[in-house]
Protein backbone atom coordinates (compact mmCIF):
# COMPACT_ATOMS: atom_id res chain seq x y z
CA MET A 1 0.01 -0.02 -0.02
CA THR A 2 1.31 3.43 -0.94
CA LYS A 3 2.51 5.88 1.72
CA HIS A 4 0.76 9.10 0.67
CA PRO A 5 -2.79 9.42 1.99
CA GLN A 6 -4.16 10.67 -1.29
CA SER A 7 -2.63 7.75 -3.24
CA ARG A 8 -3.98 5.22 -0.63
CA MET A 9 -7.44 6.76 -0.88
CA TYR A 10 -7.34 6.52 -4.70
CA THR A 11 -6.16 2.90 -4.53
CA LEU A 12 -8.99 2.09 -2.11
CA VAL A 13 -11.61 3.67 -4.37
CA ILE A 14 -10.25 1.85 -7.47
CA ARG A 15 -10.30 -1.41 -5.49
CA GLU A 16 -13.98 -0.83 -4.57
CA LEU A 17 -14.92 -0.22 -8.19
CA GLN A 18 -13.09 -3.43 -9.24
CA GLU A 19 -14.74 -5.50 -6.55
CA TYR A 20 -18.24 -4.16 -7.31
CA ARG A 21 -17.74 -3.67 -11.01
CA ASN A 22 -20.85 -5.54 -11.96
CA SER A 23 -23.18 -3.02 -10.27
CA LEU A 24 -21.09 0.09 -10.50
CA LEU A 25 -19.48 -0.24 -13.95
CA ILE A 26 -21.34 -2.86 -16.06
CA THR A 27 -24.86 -1.75 -15.01
CA PRO A 28 -24.74 1.74 -16.55
CA ILE A 29 -23.03 0.40 -19.69
CA ALA A 30 -25.76 -2.24 -19.98
CA ILE A 31 -28.49 0.42 -19.54
CA VAL A 32 -27.06 2.61 -22.33
CA ALA A 33 -26.68 -0.34 -24.64
CA THR A 34 -30.27 -1.59 -24.01
CA LEU A 35 -31.84 1.86 -24.44
CA THR A 36 -29.86 2.38 -27.61
CA LEU A 37 -30.98 -0.92 -28.99
CA VAL A 38 -34.58 -0.27 -28.19
CA MET A 39 -34.64 3.22 -29.75
CA LEU A 40 -32.68 2.05 -32.87
CA SER A 41 -35.09 -0.89 -33.34
CA SER A 42 -38.06 1.43 -32.98
CA ILE A 43 -36.72 3.68 -35.68
CA LEU A 44 -35.51 1.11 -38.14
CA LEU A 45 -38.46 -1.38 -37.84
CA ALA A 46 -41.40 1.19 -37.70
CA ASP A 47 -43.23 1.48 -40.90
CA ARG A 48 -44.79 4.73 -39.91
CA ILE A 49 -44.25 7.12 -37.02
CA SER A 50 -43.01 5.23 -34.01
CA PHE A 51 -43.68 5.69 -30.33
CA MET A 52 -40.44 7.57 -29.94
CA GLY A 53 -41.24 9.91 -32.80
CA GLN A 54 -44.74 10.60 -31.32
CA VAL A 55 -43.17 11.51 -27.93
CA ILE A 56 -40.78 13.89 -29.60
CA MET A 57 -43.49 15.54 -31.68
CA ASP A 58 -45.74 15.85 -28.64
CA ALA A 59 -42.90 17.50 -26.71
CA VAL A 60 -42.42 20.12 -29.51
CA VAL A 61 -46.06 20.72 -30.12
CA SER A 62 -47.01 21.06 -26.53
CA GLU A 63 -44.39 23.79 -25.94
CA GLY A 64 -45.28 25.62 -29.16
CA ASN A 65 -47.96 28.07 -30.29
CA LYS A 66 -51.46 26.90 -29.64
CA GLN A 67 -53.06 29.49 -31.97
CA VAL A 68 -54.88 28.63 -35.26
CA GLN A 69 -54.34 31.03 -38.18
CA VAL A 70 -57.21 31.61 -40.54
CA THR A 71 -56.63 33.57 -43.77
CA ILE A 72 -59.55 35.06 -45.76
CA GLN A 73 -59.13 36.73 -49.14
CA MET A 74 -61.74 39.38 -50.16
CA ASP A 75 -62.16 41.53 -53.25
CA GLN A 76 -62.56 45.31 -52.56
CA ASP A 77 -63.10 47.32 -55.78
CA GLY A 78 -61.25 44.86 -57.87
CA ASN A 79 -58.30 44.55 -55.45
CA THR A 80 -57.64 41.45 -53.50
CA VAL A 81 -57.25 42.04 -49.79
CA GLN A 82 -55.96 39.30 -47.50
CA GLN A 83 -56.90 39.32 -43.83
CA GLU A 84 -55.47 36.98 -41.19
CA PHE A 85 -57.28 36.06 -37.96
CA HIS A 86 -55.82 34.12 -34.96
CA ILE A 87 -57.97 31.82 -32.94
CA SER A 88 -56.50 30.98 -29.47
CA GLU A 89 -57.50 28.02 -27.34
CA GLN A 90 -59.87 29.09 -24.56
CA GLN A 91 -58.74 27.54 -21.30
CA ASP A 92 -61.34 28.88 -18.85
CA PRO A 93 -65.09 28.66 -19.27
CA ILE A 94 -66.83 31.87 -20.53
CA PRO A 95 -68.81 33.58 -17.72
CA GLU A 96 -72.56 33.35 -18.15
CA GLU A 97 -72.91 37.21 -18.19
CA ASP A 98 -70.81 37.32 -21.39
CA TRP A 99 -73.42 35.33 -23.30
CA ASN A 100 -75.37 38.43 -24.27
CA PHE A 101 -76.80 38.07 -27.79
CA SER A 102 -78.99 41.22 -27.61
CA ARG A 103 -76.13 43.72 -27.62
CA GLU A 104 -74.63 45.11 -30.81
CA TRP A 105 -71.60 43.44 -32.30
CA ASP A 106 -69.01 45.20 -34.43
CA PHE A 107 -66.90 43.23 -36.95
CA ASP A 108 -63.73 45.27 -37.16
CA PRO A 109 -60.72 42.97 -37.93
CA ALA A 110 -57.34 44.33 -37.02
CA GLU A 111 -55.00 45.41 -39.79
CA LYS A 112 -52.14 43.22 -40.58
CA PRO A 113 -48.99 44.52 -38.82
CA ASP A 114 -46.29 45.80 -41.08
CA SER A 115 -43.25 45.25 -38.89
CA PRO A 116 -42.12 41.89 -37.43
CA SER A 117 -42.24 43.39 -33.93
CA GLN A 118 -45.96 43.97 -34.24
CA GLN A 119 -46.73 40.42 -35.43
CA ASP A 120 -47.93 37.77 -33.02
CA THR A 121 -45.01 35.53 -32.02
CA SER A 122 -45.33 31.97 -30.85
CA GLU A 123 -43.96 30.75 -27.58
CA ASP A 124 -40.33 29.90 -27.47
CA THR A 125 -39.92 26.16 -28.11
CA SER A 126 -36.18 26.10 -27.20
CA GLY A 127 -35.58 23.32 -24.76
CA ALA A 128 -38.76 21.35 -25.55
CA ILE A 129 -36.71 18.23 -26.16
CA ASN A 130 -34.98 18.74 -22.78
CA LEU A 131 -38.09 17.23 -20.98
CA MET A 132 -37.52 13.89 -22.66
CA LEU A 133 -33.76 13.89 -22.11
CA ASN A 134 -34.27 14.89 -18.48
CA ALA A 135 -36.56 11.84 -18.09
CA LEU A 136 -33.75 9.64 -19.30
CA HIS A 137 -31.36 11.25 -16.76
CA SER A 138 -33.82 10.82 -13.91
CA PHE A 139 -34.09 7.10 -14.82
CA MET A 140 -30.36 6.77 -14.66
CA LEU A 141 -30.23 8.43 -11.23
CA LEU A 142 -33.04 6.12 -9.98
CA VAL A 143 -30.85 3.16 -10.92
CA LEU A 144 -27.87 4.84 -9.37
CA ILE A 145 -29.53 5.31 -6.00
CA ALA A 146 -30.78 1.75 -6.02
CA VAL A 147 -27.28 0.38 -6.90
CA THR A 148 -25.59 2.65 -4.28
CA THR A 149 -28.08 1.57 -1.60
CA ASN A 150 -27.26 -2.03 -2.28
CA TYR A 151 -23.51 -1.27 -2.22
CA LEU A 152 -23.58 0.54 1.04
CA LEU A 153 -25.66 -2.11 2.75
CA GLY A 154 -23.28 -4.85 1.74
CA CYS A 155 -19.76 -3.35 1.62
CA LEU A 156 -18.82 -3.47 5.35
CA TYR A 157 -20.97 -6.40 6.13
CA GLY A 158 -19.46 -8.42 3.32
CA ASP A 159 -15.91 -7.82 4.57
CA ARG A 160 -16.84 -9.24 7.96
CA LYS A 161 -18.79 -12.07 6.48
CA ASP A 162 -15.98 -13.42 4.25
CA ARG A 163 -13.31 -12.47 6.88
CA SER A 164 -11.45 -10.15 4.41
CA ILE A 165 -11.56 -7.54 7.23
CA LEU A 166 -8.68 -9.53 8.80
CA PHE A 167 -6.63 -8.73 5.77
CA TRP A 168 -7.46 -5.01 6.00
CA LYS A 169 -6.60 -5.09 9.63
CA SER A 170 -3.07 -6.26 8.64
CA MET A 171 -2.65 -3.52 6.08
CA PRO A 172 -1.33 -0.01 6.79
CA VAL A 173 -4.78 1.44 6.21
CA SER A 174 -6.77 2.95 8.90
CA ASP A 175 -10.52 2.18 9.49
CA THR A 176 -11.34 5.84 8.84
CA GLU A 177 -9.74 5.58 5.40
CA GLN A 178 -11.69 2.48 4.62
CA VAL A 179 -15.02 4.06 5.56
CA VAL A 180 -14.15 7.34 3.71
CA ALA A 181 -13.23 5.39 0.68
CA LYS A 182 -16.62 3.75 0.54
CA LEU A 183 -18.34 7.05 0.96
CA LEU A 184 -16.29 8.56 -1.95
CA VAL A 185 -17.52 5.69 -4.09
CA ALA A 186 -21.09 6.33 -3.24
CA PHE A 187 -21.00 10.09 -3.41
CA VAL A 188 -18.41 10.71 -6.18
CA ALA A 189 -17.16 7.79 -8.18
CA ALA A 190 -20.45 5.96 -8.82
CA PRO A 191 -22.48 9.19 -9.64
CA LEU A 192 -19.75 10.34 -12.07
CA ILE A 193 -19.94 7.06 -13.90
CA PHE A 194 -23.74 7.16 -14.09
CA ILE A 195 -23.77 10.83 -15.11
CA ILE A 196 -21.33 10.17 -17.96
CA ALA A 197 -23.50 7.15 -18.97
CA SER A 198 -26.55 9.61 -18.86
CA PHE A 199 -24.72 12.05 -21.16
CA PHE A 200 -23.97 9.31 -23.68
CA THR A 201 -27.61 8.14 -23.50
CA GLN A 202 -28.90 11.64 -24.16
CA LEU A 203 -26.40 12.19 -27.05
CA ILE A 204 -27.43 8.86 -28.68
CA THR A 205 -31.13 9.76 -28.16
CA THR A 206 -30.61 13.11 -29.85
CA ALA A 207 -28.78 11.53 -32.79
CA LEU A 208 -31.46 8.80 -33.23
CA SER A 209 -34.21 11.41 -32.93
CA MET A 210 -32.62 13.35 -35.81
CA LEU A 211 -32.45 10.11 -37.83
CA LEU A 212 -36.15 9.56 -37.12
CA MET A 213 -37.09 13.07 -38.30
CA THR A 214 -35.16 12.43 -41.49
CA ARG A 215 -37.18 9.20 -42.09
CA LEU A 216 -40.32 11.23 -41.52
CA ASP A 217 -39.22 13.86 -44.21
CA LYS A 218 -38.76 16.59 -41.61
CA ASP A 219 -35.82 18.87 -41.02
CA PRO A 220 -33.86 17.33 -38.11
CA TYR A 221 -31.95 20.43 -37.31
CA GLU A 222 -35.10 22.53 -36.99
CA THR A 223 -37.18 19.94 -35.27
CA ILE A 224 -34.59 18.53 -32.81
CA LEU A 225 -31.54 20.79 -32.38
CA ASP A 226 -33.55 23.97 -32.24
CA ASN A 227 -35.60 22.52 -29.40
CA ILE A 228 -32.66 21.57 -27.24
CA ASP A 229 -31.20 23.88 -24.67
CA ILE A 230 -27.58 22.67 -24.31
CA LEU A 231 -26.50 24.52 -21.16
CA PRO A 232 -28.97 23.01 -18.75
CA LEU A 233 -28.29 19.61 -20.09
CA LEU A 234 -24.60 20.01 -19.19
CA VAL A 235 -24.86 21.98 -15.92
CA SER A 236 -28.09 20.72 -14.26
CA PRO A 237 -26.91 17.06 -13.80
CA LEU A 238 -23.68 18.09 -12.03
CA ALA A 239 -25.30 20.86 -9.92
CA GLY A 240 -28.34 18.72 -9.24
CA TRP A 241 -26.22 15.86 -7.90
CA ILE A 242 -24.44 18.26 -5.42
CA ILE A 243 -27.87 19.07 -3.82
CA THR A 244 -29.03 15.45 -4.08
CA ALA A 245 -25.89 14.28 -2.31
CA LEU A 246 -26.48 16.72 0.53
CA TRP A 247 -30.02 15.41 0.89
CA LEU A 248 -28.98 11.79 0.73
CA ALA A 249 -26.08 12.11 3.07
CA PRO A 250 -27.97 11.06 6.25
CA LEU A 251 -29.53 8.21 4.46
CA TYR A 252 -26.30 6.90 2.94
CA ALA A 253 -24.58 7.28 6.39
CA TRP A 254 -27.30 5.30 8.12
CA LEU A 255 -27.06 2.51 5.53
CA LEU A 256 -23.28 2.35 6.05
CA LEU A 257 -23.84 2.18 9.79
CA ALA A 258 -26.26 -0.69 9.41
CA SER A 259 -23.70 -2.55 7.21
CA ALA A 260 -21.03 -2.00 9.92
CA GLY A 261 -23.22 -3.17 12.83
CA ALA A 262 -25.37 -5.98 11.39
CA ARG A 263 -24.85 -9.53 12.43
CA ARG A 264 -27.37 -11.10 9.93
CA SER A 265 -29.29 -8.71 7.65
CA PRO A 266 -28.05 -5.12 7.14
CA PHE A 267 -31.36 -4.33 5.50
CA MET A 268 -33.42 -5.37 8.53
CA LEU A 269 -31.15 -3.39 10.86
CA ALA A 270 -31.56 -0.31 8.60
CA VAL A 271 -35.30 -0.48 8.28
CA ALA A 272 -36.65 -2.08 11.49
CA PRO A 273 -35.52 0.69 13.90
CA VAL A 274 -36.93 3.42 11.70
CA ILE A 275 -40.29 1.72 11.39
CA ALA A 276 -40.36 1.12 15.15
CA LEU A 277 -39.67 4.77 15.96
CA VAL A 278 -42.39 5.99 13.47
CA VAL A 279 -44.98 3.70 15.02
CA LEU A 280 -44.07 4.41 18.60
CA GLU A 281 -44.11 8.21 17.95
CA GLN A 282 -47.56 8.01 16.34
CA LEU A 283 -48.91 5.85 19.20
CA PHE A 284 -47.55 7.78 22.16
CA LEU A 285 -46.94 11.29 20.96
CA GLY A 286 -49.32 11.57 17.96
CA SER A 287 -46.69 13.26 15.84
CA GLU A 288 -44.89 12.36 12.65
CA LEU A 289 -41.48 14.11 13.10
CA VAL A 290 -39.42 10.95 12.47
CA GLY A 291 -41.44 9.87 9.43
CA SER A 292 -41.33 13.34 7.96
CA ALA A 293 -37.65 13.69 8.53
CA VAL A 294 -36.93 10.32 6.80
CA SER A 295 -39.24 10.99 3.86
CA GLN A 296 -37.71 14.35 3.10
CA HIS A 297 -34.30 12.66 2.43
CA PHE A 298 -35.75 10.48 -0.35
CA PRO A 299 -36.31 11.51 -3.95
CA HIS A 300 -39.91 12.88 -4.11
CA TYR A 301 -42.14 15.18 -5.98
CA THR A 302 -42.33 18.89 -5.20
CA ALA A 303 -44.44 21.77 -6.34
CA SER A 304 -41.68 23.53 -8.22
CA ASP A 305 -41.22 23.11 -12.00
CA ASP A 306 -37.62 24.42 -12.14
CA ALA A 307 -35.61 21.35 -11.42
CA VAL A 308 -32.14 21.81 -9.97
CA ALA A 309 -31.64 18.87 -7.78
CA PHE A 310 -32.75 15.34 -8.47
CA TYR A 311 -36.27 15.59 -7.30
CA PHE A 312 -38.40 14.82 -10.31
CA LYS A 313 -39.51 18.47 -10.16
CA GLY A 314 -36.94 19.65 -7.78
CA ASP A 315 -36.52 22.69 -5.47
CA GLU A 316 -34.93 25.89 -6.73
CA TRP A 317 -31.59 26.80 -5.19
CA LEU A 318 -33.14 29.80 -3.35
CA HIS A 319 -36.06 27.69 -1.96
CA ILE A 320 -33.96 24.91 -0.49
CA ASP A 321 -34.36 24.44 3.27
CA TRP A 322 -30.76 24.78 4.21
CA PHE A 323 -31.49 24.28 7.91
CA LYS A 324 -32.86 20.79 7.14
CA ILE A 325 -29.80 20.04 5.06
CA VAL A 326 -27.49 21.07 7.87
CA ARG A 327 -29.41 19.07 10.37
CA GLY A 328 -29.19 16.05 8.14
CA LEU A 329 -25.40 16.54 7.69
CA LEU A 330 -24.96 16.65 11.44
CA PHE A 331 -26.78 13.29 11.72
CA ALA A 332 -24.62 11.88 8.86
CA VAL A 333 -21.44 12.95 10.71
CA ALA A 334 -22.54 11.18 13.87
CA ALA A 335 -23.49 8.04 11.92
CA ILE A 336 -20.23 7.94 10.11
CA TRP A 337 -18.31 8.31 13.45
CA ALA A 338 -20.34 5.41 14.83
CA THR A 339 -19.50 3.39 11.68
CA ILE A 340 -15.80 3.97 12.15
CA TRP A 341 -16.08 2.90 15.74
CA LEU A 342 -17.89 -0.29 14.90
CA ARG A 343 -15.39 -1.02 12.07
CA ARG A 344 -12.55 -0.67 14.56
CA TYR A 345 -13.86 -2.59 17.60
CA ARG A 346 -16.66 -4.86 16.35
CA PHE A 347 -15.67 -6.90 13.35
CA GLU A 348 -16.82 -10.36 14.41
CA LEU A 349 -20.22 -11.65 13.18
């Protein structure tokens, strides 16, 4: 084992990735390959518009202009005059008092504006395809959280079960370094791998979408590329994971603590005390503080539409409850300290 702490930490992280390569490395590659195969088959084998094409067209149309333009040509003293009328979709019901057929009605169509600034403009469709690409990224992160949860529950327990902890006890590596290395895998290495896989999936999806538009005799650049906002696709996943990691820190620390302390089933040790506390609190206190605190540190729906973190519709940066994040981080620090203590003094099953 190398002497420098940074080199030792890097070696420990690489060792974890090699030992759990099936879940941390092969899984994202398999997901990218499977999604690519499904989308490519959908494009090449479809006789008409495929399901993927319908999703793309719906994403563009739903974000576009919902007005209907009607053009009427009339002759006035031998001259042809063209008038354009715009019919907009009525969202709210018309009040009953507006249905007054006895009043006089004037038909005075507006003149056609001369300058482009006076013309009616449709809503900006830039970024309409981002919704579909964000859905792919959310799916990748769901798999990431599931894989990471399984990794944290088994990593320390597995070392004690197969007695490989005795090997690590004989190495010049402290218990703190071993625990920190596993946290780095969960918070940095594995998310980086899955985010890169998500980027490749979105890139392949964009290319195949352009191929599909070509088969449908549509301009792929105007239909696809003009409806993609590149900057959020590059920045949001990285910035989003920072907030997500802060929210998931107490959960991940608790799972690692269960892995270090379990004698038979880390999953039961992680779940049973939480359920017991929730039930006892409701029975004797009539409150839901524990249940609320636990549920807030899982991916969930929120009311905001501007996603920054990985909450399907996540919180905005300014609306994040930083007090709850700090409180969760304090719990995570305590759980990690307890994990290191168990790793050092309790390594027999």
